[in-house]
Protein backbone atom coordinates (compact mmCIF):
# COMPACT_ATOMS: atom_id res chain seq x y z
CA MET A 1 27.30 60.44 127.53
CA ARG A 2 25.80 62.73 130.17
CA LYS A 3 22.40 61.13 129.57
CA SER A 4 23.49 57.48 129.93
CA LEU A 5 24.39 56.04 133.32
CA HIS A 6 25.36 52.75 131.67
CA LEU A 7 27.79 54.52 129.34
CA LYS A 8 29.31 56.45 132.24
CA LEU A 9 29.89 53.25 134.20
CA MET A 10 31.41 51.51 131.18
CA LEU A 11 33.76 54.38 130.29
CA SER A 12 34.91 54.87 133.89
CA SER A 13 35.49 51.11 134.23
CA MET A 14 37.42 51.03 130.94
CA VAL A 15 39.66 53.89 132.07
CA VAL A 16 40.34 52.33 135.49
CA ILE A 17 40.95 48.83 134.10
CA GLY A 18 43.13 50.22 131.31
CA PHE A 19 45.23 52.21 133.79
CA VAL A 20 45.64 49.23 136.14
CA THR A 21 46.53 46.97 133.20
CA ALA A 22 49.15 49.42 131.91
CA VAL A 23 50.72 49.75 135.37
CA ALA A 24 50.77 45.96 135.75
CA VAL A 25 52.43 45.47 132.35
CA TYR A 26 55.02 48.14 133.16
CA ALA A 27 55.75 46.56 136.56
CA LEU A 28 56.13 43.09 135.02
CA TYR A 29 58.38 44.48 132.30
CA GLN A 30 60.63 46.23 134.82
CA THR A 31 60.79 43.13 137.00
CA HIS A 32 61.71 40.96 134.03
CA ALA A 33 64.35 43.47 132.89
CA GLU A 34 65.92 43.47 136.36
CA GLU A 35 65.92 39.65 136.48
CA ARG A 36 67.59 39.40 133.09
CA ALA A 37 70.16 42.02 134.11
CA ARG A 38 70.92 40.00 137.26
CA ASP A 39 71.43 36.95 135.06
CA TYR A 40 74.05 38.86 133.06
CA SER A 41 75.68 40.09 136.26
CA ALA A 42 75.82 36.57 137.71
CA ARG A 43 77.31 35.22 134.48
CA MET A 44 80.02 37.88 134.49
CA ASN A 45 80.72 37.30 138.17
CA GLN A 46 81.18 33.55 137.53
CA ASN A 47 83.54 34.37 134.68
CA LEU A 48 85.53 36.61 137.00
CA SER A 49 85.76 33.81 139.57
CA ARG A 50 87.10 31.42 136.96
CA LEU A 51 89.59 34.05 135.83
CA LEU A 52 90.92 34.73 139.33
CA SER A 53 91.07 31.01 140.17
CA SER A 54 93.53 30.38 137.30
CA ASN A 55 96.91 28.79 138.00
CA ARG A 56 98.53 32.14 137.34
CA PRO A 57 96.32 34.84 138.82
CA PRO A 58 96.52 38.01 136.75
CA GLU A 59 97.61 40.10 139.76
CA LEU A 60 100.80 38.04 139.92
CA VAL A 61 101.57 38.36 136.21
CA LYS A 62 104.13 41.05 135.52
CA ASP A 63 104.07 41.47 131.74
CA GLU A 64 102.11 40.70 128.59
CA LYS A 65 104.12 37.57 127.90
CA GLU A 66 103.30 36.16 131.30
CA MET A 67 99.64 37.09 130.84
CA SER A 68 99.47 34.56 128.02
CA LEU A 69 100.04 31.85 130.57
CA ILE A 70 96.53 32.40 131.94
CA ASN A 71 94.28 29.43 131.15
CA GLY A 72 91.73 30.94 128.75
CA ASN A 73 89.77 27.69 128.62
CA SER A 74 88.39 28.41 132.07
CA MET A 75 86.75 31.65 130.89
CA ASP A 76 83.48 32.30 129.07
CA PRO A 77 84.53 32.78 125.43
CA SER A 78 81.54 34.99 124.68
CA LEU A 79 82.66 37.67 127.16
CA ASP A 80 85.24 40.29 126.20
CA THR A 81 87.63 40.58 129.15
CA MET A 82 90.37 43.15 129.77
CA ILE A 83 92.79 43.92 132.59
CA CYS A 84 93.67 47.60 132.66
CA ARG A 85 96.04 49.52 134.88
CA SER A 86 94.87 52.75 136.48
CA ASP A 87 97.02 54.80 134.09
CA GLY A 88 95.07 53.37 131.13
CA GLU A 89 97.59 50.75 130.06
CA LEU A 90 96.13 47.48 128.73
CA ARG A 91 97.83 44.56 130.55
CA TRP A 92 95.78 41.68 129.20
CA SER A 93 92.74 41.11 126.98
CA ASN A 94 90.52 38.43 125.54
CA LEU A 95 88.31 40.18 122.95
CA HIS A 96 85.73 38.87 120.46
CA LEU A 97 83.35 41.69 119.54
CA PRO A 98 84.54 43.46 116.35
CA GLU A 99 83.59 46.91 117.60
CA VAL A 100 85.49 46.33 120.85
CA ILE A 101 88.55 45.02 119.03
CA ALA A 102 88.51 48.13 116.82
CA LEU A 103 88.77 50.33 119.94
CA LYS A 104 91.33 48.16 121.72
CA GLU A 105 94.08 50.81 121.68
CA THR A 106 92.03 53.50 123.44
CA LEU A 107 89.36 51.47 125.17
CA CYS A 108 91.34 50.82 128.35
CA ASN A 109 92.07 54.49 128.85
CA ASP A 110 88.42 55.46 128.26
CA LEU A 111 87.09 52.76 130.56
CA VAL A 112 89.52 53.56 133.36
CA ASN A 113 88.63 57.26 133.23
CA TYR A 114 84.93 56.35 133.41
CA LEU A 115 85.42 53.86 136.25
CA LYS A 116 87.52 56.31 138.26
CA ARG A 117 84.59 58.72 138.22
CA GLN A 118 82.35 56.00 139.59
CA ASP A 119 84.89 55.30 142.38
CA ARG A 120 83.55 51.85 143.19
CA ASP A 121 85.34 48.55 143.78
CA TYR A 122 82.53 46.67 142.14
CA PHE A 123 80.61 48.05 139.15
CA PHE A 124 77.88 46.65 136.88
CA LYS A 125 75.76 48.72 134.50
CA TYR A 126 73.89 48.72 131.21
CA LEU A 127 75.31 51.40 128.91
CA GLU A 128 74.18 52.82 125.61
CA VAL A 129 76.97 54.25 123.45
CA LYS A 130 77.18 55.16 119.80
CA GLU A 131 78.68 51.77 119.00
CA GLY A 132 75.72 49.94 120.55
CA GLU A 133 74.31 48.69 123.86
CA TYR A 134 76.49 46.78 126.33
CA PHE A 135 76.74 45.46 129.84
CA ILE A 136 79.91 46.57 131.68
CA TYR A 137 81.18 44.57 134.64
CA SER A 138 84.28 45.70 136.58
CA ILE A 139 86.16 44.92 139.77
CA ARG A 140 88.99 47.04 141.18
CA PHE A 141 91.97 45.64 143.05
CA THR A 142 95.38 46.90 144.17
CA ARG A 143 98.82 45.19 144.20
CA LYS A 144 102.31 46.38 145.08
CA GLU A 145 104.85 46.84 142.35
CA GLU A 146 108.37 48.01 143.17
CA GLY A 147 107.26 48.90 146.65
CA ARG A 148 104.31 51.08 145.70
CA PRO A 149 100.57 50.22 145.25
CA VAL A 150 99.20 50.01 141.72
CA THR A 151 95.44 49.84 140.94
CA TYR A 152 94.10 47.47 138.31
CA TYR A 153 90.62 47.07 136.79
CA VAL A 154 89.29 43.78 135.51
CA VAL A 155 86.65 44.79 132.93
CA MET A 156 84.21 42.50 131.13
CA ILE A 157 82.05 43.65 128.24
CA ASP A 158 79.02 41.80 126.88
CA SER A 159 76.65 42.81 124.08
CA ALA A 160 73.12 43.66 125.24
CA LYS A 161 71.58 42.89 121.85
CA GLN A 162 70.10 39.57 122.95
CA TYR A 163 68.98 41.19 126.20
CA LEU A 164 67.04 43.87 124.32
CA GLU A 165 65.52 41.33 121.97
CA ASP A 166 64.38 39.23 124.91
CA LEU A 167 62.83 42.29 126.57
CA HIS A 168 61.01 43.24 123.36
CA ILE A 169 59.62 39.72 122.94
CA TYR A 170 58.55 39.66 126.59
CA LEU A 171 56.90 43.10 126.31
CA MET A 172 54.96 42.16 123.18
CA GLN A 173 53.82 38.95 124.83
CA LYS A 174 52.58 40.78 127.91
CA ILE A 175 50.85 43.42 125.79
CA ARG A 176 48.99 40.71 123.88
CA GLN A 177 48.07 38.91 127.08
CA SER A 178 46.98 42.12 128.82
CA SER A 179 44.95 43.20 125.78
CA ALA A 180 43.11 39.89 125.78
CA ALA A 181 42.55 40.17 129.53
CA TYR A 182 41.40 43.77 129.10
CA LEU A 183 38.82 42.82 126.48
CA LEU A 184 37.64 39.94 128.64
CA LEU A 185 37.25 42.23 131.65
CA ILE A 186 35.37 44.79 129.56
CA GLY A 187 32.98 42.05 128.45
CA VAL A 188 32.48 40.98 132.05
CA MET A 189 31.95 44.63 133.07
CA LEU A 190 29.41 45.05 130.28
CA LEU A 191 27.41 42.09 131.55
CA SER A 192 27.79 43.05 135.20
CA THR A 193 26.72 46.67 134.65
CA ARG A 194 23.68 45.58 132.68
CA TRP A 195 22.82 43.15 135.50
CA THR A 196 23.38 45.90 138.07
CA LEU A 197 21.25 48.42 136.18
CA ARG A 198 18.45 46.04 135.21
CA SER A 199 16.27 47.44 138.01
CA LEU A 200 16.62 50.92 136.50
CA TYR A 201 15.69 49.54 133.08
CA LYS A 202 12.67 47.88 134.67
CA LEU A 203 11.76 51.16 136.40
CA ARG A 204 11.96 53.08 133.13
CA ARG A 205 9.85 50.44 131.37
CA GLU A 206 7.14 50.60 134.02
CA ILE A 207 7.07 54.41 133.94
CA ASP A 208 6.61 54.26 130.14
CA GLN A 209 3.73 51.81 130.70
CA ILE A 210 2.16 54.20 133.21
CA ARG A 211 2.45 57.07 130.74
CA ALA A 212 0.82 54.88 128.07
CA GLY A 213 -1.99 54.01 130.49
CA LYS A 214 -1.11 50.30 130.63
CA ARG A 215 -0.59 50.23 134.40
CA GLU A 216 -1.58 52.28 137.42
CA SER A 217 1.57 52.17 139.58
CA LEU A 218 5.09 50.82 139.92
CA SER A 219 5.55 47.24 141.02
CA SER A 220 7.19 46.21 144.27
CA GLY A 221 10.29 44.08 144.78
CA TYR A 222 12.92 46.70 143.95
CA GLU A 223 16.23 46.85 145.82
CA ARG A 224 16.25 48.75 149.09
CA GLU A 225 18.20 51.62 147.51
CA LEU A 226 15.36 52.14 144.99
CA THR A 227 12.45 51.36 147.30
CA PRO A 228 12.12 54.96 148.64
CA LEU A 229 12.02 56.24 145.06
CA THR A 230 9.37 53.77 143.86
CA GLU A 231 7.24 54.33 146.96
CA SER A 232 7.44 58.10 146.45
CA VAL A 233 6.44 57.77 142.78
CA ASN A 234 3.50 55.53 143.67
CA GLN A 235 2.40 58.00 146.34
CA LEU A 236 2.70 60.82 143.83
CA LEU A 237 0.56 58.91 141.32
CA GLU A 238 -2.09 58.23 143.95
CA ASN A 239 -2.11 61.89 145.04
CA GLU A 240 -2.43 62.91 141.40
CA ARG A 241 -5.38 60.59 140.86
CA GLN A 242 -7.15 61.85 143.95
CA GLN A 243 -6.42 65.48 143.14
CA THR A 244 -7.58 65.09 139.55
CA LEU A 245 -10.77 63.41 140.71
CA ARG A 246 -11.50 66.18 143.22
CA TYR A 247 -10.64 68.78 140.61
CA GLN A 248 -12.98 67.26 138.03
CA HIS A 249 -15.80 67.00 140.56
CA ALA A 250 -15.34 70.64 141.55
CA LEU A 251 -15.35 71.75 137.92
CA ASN A 252 -18.46 69.71 137.13
CA ASP A 253 -20.26 71.18 140.14
CA LEU A 254 -19.22 74.68 139.11
CA ALA A 255 -20.30 74.19 135.51
CA HIS A 256 -23.65 72.73 136.61
CA SER A 257 -24.31 75.59 139.04
CA LEU A 258 -23.43 78.31 136.53
CA LYS A 259 -25.40 76.72 133.70
CA THR A 260 -28.41 76.43 135.99
CA ARG A 261 -28.17 80.11 136.92
CA LEU A 262 -27.86 81.16 133.29
CA ALA A 263 -30.88 79.04 132.35
CA LEU A 264 -32.87 80.71 135.15
CA ILE A 265 -31.87 84.12 133.83
CA GLN A 266 -33.14 83.22 130.36
CA ILE A 267 -36.44 81.86 131.74
CA THR A 268 -36.88 84.91 133.95
CA ALA A 269 -36.26 87.20 130.98
CA GLN A 270 -38.88 85.35 128.92
CA ASP A 271 -41.42 85.50 131.74
CA ALA A 272 -40.76 89.21 132.17
CA GLY A 273 -42.09 89.80 128.67
CA LEU A 274 -39.13 91.76 127.37
CA GLY A 275 -39.16 93.02 123.86
CA LYS A 276 -37.66 91.11 121.00
CA GLU A 277 -34.56 93.30 120.80
CA ALA A 278 -33.97 93.27 124.58
CA SER A 279 -34.55 89.53 124.72
CA SER A 280 -32.10 89.02 121.84
CA ASN A 281 -29.46 91.16 123.54
CA LEU A 282 -29.95 89.30 126.81
CA ASN A 283 -29.66 85.92 125.11
CA GLU A 284 -26.51 87.07 123.38
CA GLN A 285 -24.96 88.12 126.68
CA VAL A 286 -25.99 84.87 128.32
CA LEU A 287 -24.40 82.97 125.43
CA THR A 288 -21.24 85.05 125.79
CA MET A 289 -21.14 84.33 129.51
CA ASP A 290 -21.54 80.60 128.76
CA GLN A 291 -18.62 80.76 126.32
CA ILE A 292 -16.47 82.50 128.91
CA ILE A 293 -17.37 79.91 131.53
CA GLN A 294 -16.57 77.07 129.15
CA TYR A 295 -13.29 78.69 128.25
CA GLN A 296 -12.25 79.14 131.88
CA LEU A 297 -13.15 75.52 132.63
CA ARG A 298 -11.18 74.30 129.63
CA ARG A 299 -8.25 76.50 130.51
CA ALA A 300 -8.21 75.07 134.02
CA VAL A 301 -8.06 71.53 132.62
CA ALA A 302 -5.60 72.24 129.79
CA GLY A 303 -1.99 71.68 130.69
CA ARG A 304 -2.74 69.39 133.63
CA GLN A 305 -1.12 66.36 132.05
CA GLY A 306 0.21 64.04 134.69
CA LEU A 307 2.45 61.03 134.39
CA ARG A 308 -0.29 58.81 133.06
CA GLN A 309 -1.47 59.32 129.47
CA ARG A 310 -4.06 57.04 127.94
CA GLY A 311 -3.80 56.57 124.22
CA VAL A 312 -6.65 57.76 122.00
CA GLU A 313 -7.46 56.72 118.43
CA PRO A 314 -7.94 60.04 116.64
CA ILE A 315 -9.44 58.70 113.40
CA PRO A 316 -12.96 57.86 114.71
CA LEU A 317 -13.05 61.10 116.67
CA ILE A 318 -12.16 63.25 113.64
CA GLU A 319 -14.66 61.39 111.44
CA LYS A 320 -17.37 62.01 114.03
CA LEU A 321 -16.53 65.72 114.20
CA LEU A 322 -16.55 66.06 110.41
CA ALA A 323 -19.96 64.38 110.21
CA SER A 324 -21.38 66.69 112.89
CA LEU A 325 -19.97 69.82 111.26
CA ALA A 326 -21.31 68.76 107.86
CA LYS A 327 -24.81 68.95 109.35
CA VAL A 328 -24.12 72.31 111.01
CA TYR A 329 -22.79 73.82 107.78
CA GLN A 330 -24.98 71.86 105.38
CA HIS A 331 -26.13 75.10 103.76
CA LYS A 332 -22.55 75.57 102.42
CA ARG A 333 -22.45 72.08 100.88
CA LEU A 334 -18.79 71.61 101.79
CA GLN A 335 -16.65 68.87 100.31
CA THR A 336 -14.56 67.32 103.08
CA ARG A 337 -11.62 64.94 102.60
CA PHE A 338 -9.92 62.98 105.36
CA LEU A 339 -6.56 61.34 104.58
CA PHE A 340 -4.90 59.27 107.29
CA ASP A 341 -2.39 56.55 108.20
CA ASP A 342 -3.72 53.44 109.90
CA ASP A 343 -3.08 52.61 113.56
CA VAL A 344 -2.23 56.17 114.57
CA LEU A 345 -2.46 56.83 118.32
CA PHE A 346 -2.58 60.11 120.24
CA ASN A 347 -0.86 59.79 123.63
CA GLY A 348 -3.17 62.10 125.50
CA ASP A 349 -6.65 62.75 126.81
CA GLN A 350 -9.67 62.28 124.54
CA GLY A 351 -11.30 65.47 125.80
CA ASP A 352 -8.20 67.49 124.91
CA LEU A 353 -8.13 66.05 121.40
CA MET A 354 -11.86 66.71 121.02
CA GLU A 355 -11.33 70.33 122.05
CA LEU A 356 -8.40 70.79 119.70
CA MET A 357 -10.00 69.29 116.62
CA GLY A 358 -13.43 70.77 117.39
CA ASN A 359 -12.11 74.33 117.42
CA LEU A 360 -9.86 73.93 114.37
CA LEU A 361 -12.42 72.05 112.25
CA ASP A 362 -15.17 74.48 113.19
CA ASN A 363 -13.00 77.41 112.08
CA ALA A 364 -12.12 75.63 108.82
CA CYS A 365 -15.77 74.90 108.03
CA LYS A 366 -16.78 78.43 109.00
CA PHE A 367 -14.29 80.14 106.68
CA ALA A 368 -14.19 77.56 103.87
CA ILE A 369 -15.93 78.31 100.60
CA SER A 370 -16.38 74.78 99.34
CA GLN A 371 -13.52 72.52 100.52
CA VAL A 372 -11.98 71.28 103.76
CA GLN A 373 -9.19 68.73 103.91
CA VAL A 374 -7.79 66.97 106.99
CA THR A 375 -4.57 64.89 106.85
CA LEU A 376 -3.35 62.65 109.69
CA ARG A 377 0.15 61.15 109.34
CA ARG A 378 2.83 59.58 111.45
CA HIS A 379 5.89 61.80 111.88
CA GLY A 380 8.63 59.91 113.69
CA GLU A 381 7.40 59.24 117.21
CA ARG A 382 4.70 61.90 116.84
CA ILE A 383 1.60 62.51 114.76
CA ARG A 384 1.13 65.40 112.35
CA ILE A 385 -2.33 66.80 111.63
CA THR A 386 -2.97 69.37 108.90
CA ILE A 387 -6.32 71.14 108.44
CA GLU A 388 -6.77 73.09 105.21
CA ASP A 389 -9.58 75.11 103.65
CA ASP A 390 -10.15 77.23 100.56
CA GLY A 391 -11.30 80.30 102.46
CA PRO A 392 -9.76 83.76 102.66
CA GLY A 393 -6.91 82.59 104.93
CA VAL A 394 -5.36 84.54 107.79
CA GLU A 395 -4.06 88.07 107.38
CA PRO A 396 -0.25 88.15 107.64
CA LYS A 397 -0.35 90.83 110.35
CA LYS A 398 -2.43 88.53 112.55
CA LEU A 399 -0.30 85.40 112.20
CA ASP A 400 1.76 86.17 115.29
CA ARG A 401 -1.25 87.17 117.42
CA ILE A 402 -4.04 84.84 116.36
CA PHE A 403 -3.43 82.46 119.27
CA GLN A 404 -3.71 85.25 121.84
CA ARG A 405 -6.91 85.61 123.81
CA GLY A 406 -9.36 88.12 122.36
CA VAL A 407 -7.79 88.13 118.86
CA ARG A 408 -10.15 86.98 116.12
CA ALA A 409 -9.30 85.95 112.60
CA ASP A 410 -12.19 88.01 111.21
CA SER A 411 -14.65 90.67 112.30
CA SER A 412 -17.47 88.26 113.09
CA GLY A 413 -18.91 87.79 116.56
CA GLY A 414 -17.15 85.74 119.21
CA GLN A 415 -14.68 86.20 121.99
CA GLY A 416 -11.54 84.98 120.17
CA ILE A 417 -10.83 82.27 122.72
CA GLY A 418 -11.04 79.07 120.62
CA LEU A 419 -7.52 79.25 119.17
CA ALA A 420 -6.15 80.37 122.54
CA VAL A 421 -7.49 77.17 124.09
CA VAL A 422 -5.98 75.18 121.18
CA SER A 423 -2.58 76.78 121.75
CA GLU A 424 -2.66 76.10 125.50
CA ILE A 425 -3.58 72.44 125.02
CA VAL A 426 -0.87 71.95 122.38
CA ASP A 427 1.73 73.56 124.66
CA SER A 428 0.66 71.35 127.57
CA TYR A 429 1.65 68.27 125.53
CA GLY A 430 4.93 69.74 124.31
CA GLY A 431 3.57 69.89 120.76
CA SER A 432 3.61 72.64 118.16
CA ILE A 433 1.15 74.42 115.92
CA ALA A 434 1.87 76.55 112.86
CA ILE A 435 -0.15 78.46 110.28
CA SER A 436 0.70 78.64 106.59
CA GLU A 437 -1.04 79.08 103.26
CA SER A 438 -2.94 76.05 102.06
CA ALA A 439 -2.63 74.56 98.59
CA LEU A 440 -6.42 74.98 98.45
CA GLY A 441 -5.99 78.73 98.72
CA GLY A 442 -6.99 79.31 102.34
CA ALA A 443 -5.36 78.68 105.71
CA CYS A 444 -3.40 75.57 106.70
CA PHE A 445 -3.06 74.68 110.40
CA THR A 446 -0.31 72.11 111.12
CA LEU A 447 -0.14 70.36 114.49
CA GLU A 448 2.50 68.01 115.83
CA LEU A 449 1.49 66.01 118.90
CA PRO A 450 2.88 63.05 120.84
């Protein structure tokens, strides 16, 4: 996730949209619940109006017998209605719910005690009790009996079962609708983020083309937010090209000057008429100096891999090196085998690959007894090169130090810089090199390169 801007945008958008959707569904649910509760309250209030508009208002009825004179046809038959005195006495009732009828004897007393605690003339509330869920509607009034005020409560009870079912159906409907809207918005966000980030995808594609050597610079026409970045990259590429060119010219001039001076030293030594042994020693030192110069020049170039990398076909290069080395070591009559996959490409500089393979193949031919085998295979997005021989191999105690400068695999002449150059070039490309025992009996060098 940390490596994908697109994924970050999508996840953050999903979280925000999901949160907003959940809040919206909750708000709609609460609004609908309040509207339905108001419907129940209005229905109970209308029933109360019909009750109090009867020919014999309940506040004028003195006993249970007279209560029966109230016109029940004017009331809502689905509402359980009770008239309770403040001392808990039931004065009149019109009950339908079985659970309410079962509690008729004590219900008035319980309701009056509860309503007294509320201390309100008008009361409406949704209640959950062990018997179920109900809406309670009550109005309190006072009348004089025998010269003293007596408080009465008109209480209506309605089952909230249908109310809860309606809320559940409404909630499920909104959840389905919001889920569909959420998925639709996510799809729109997916398309919009890809459209928004298409310039970054284009930028990445062009940088990959520059690295592959298919273009020299980034194109123009980017958005103004990305223009400073693309201009800076193009300027960096141009500076790199100019610097590399100046660097190569300086190195060529240095190599030419030093080689000329070394050649003059050899000519001067020959003209001076030195003895055979002195001349041989001088030539050896001149050759050593030339190797050191070449090494320093190669070391200066190795590792300077810029953004651009031109692909190189390694197969013709390796075949050419094997043919050249066969002539150099023709006295050994080596048998060389080259196994490879087709269409393999090295994403680097040809000179670097020449230096790598030249040093490794020269060492293999030098130490081989009769066989050298080179294998070139694809390995994921990289290439793997193995170079094997049937020579004496590398001493175990030198395996960890053989790539250090000045360390030689044997006691023969040389400065021990060839494998050091190989290691530096491999490291500059982010590759790897390892030494193991070959199936042929000698050393096996394995390289992995881009």
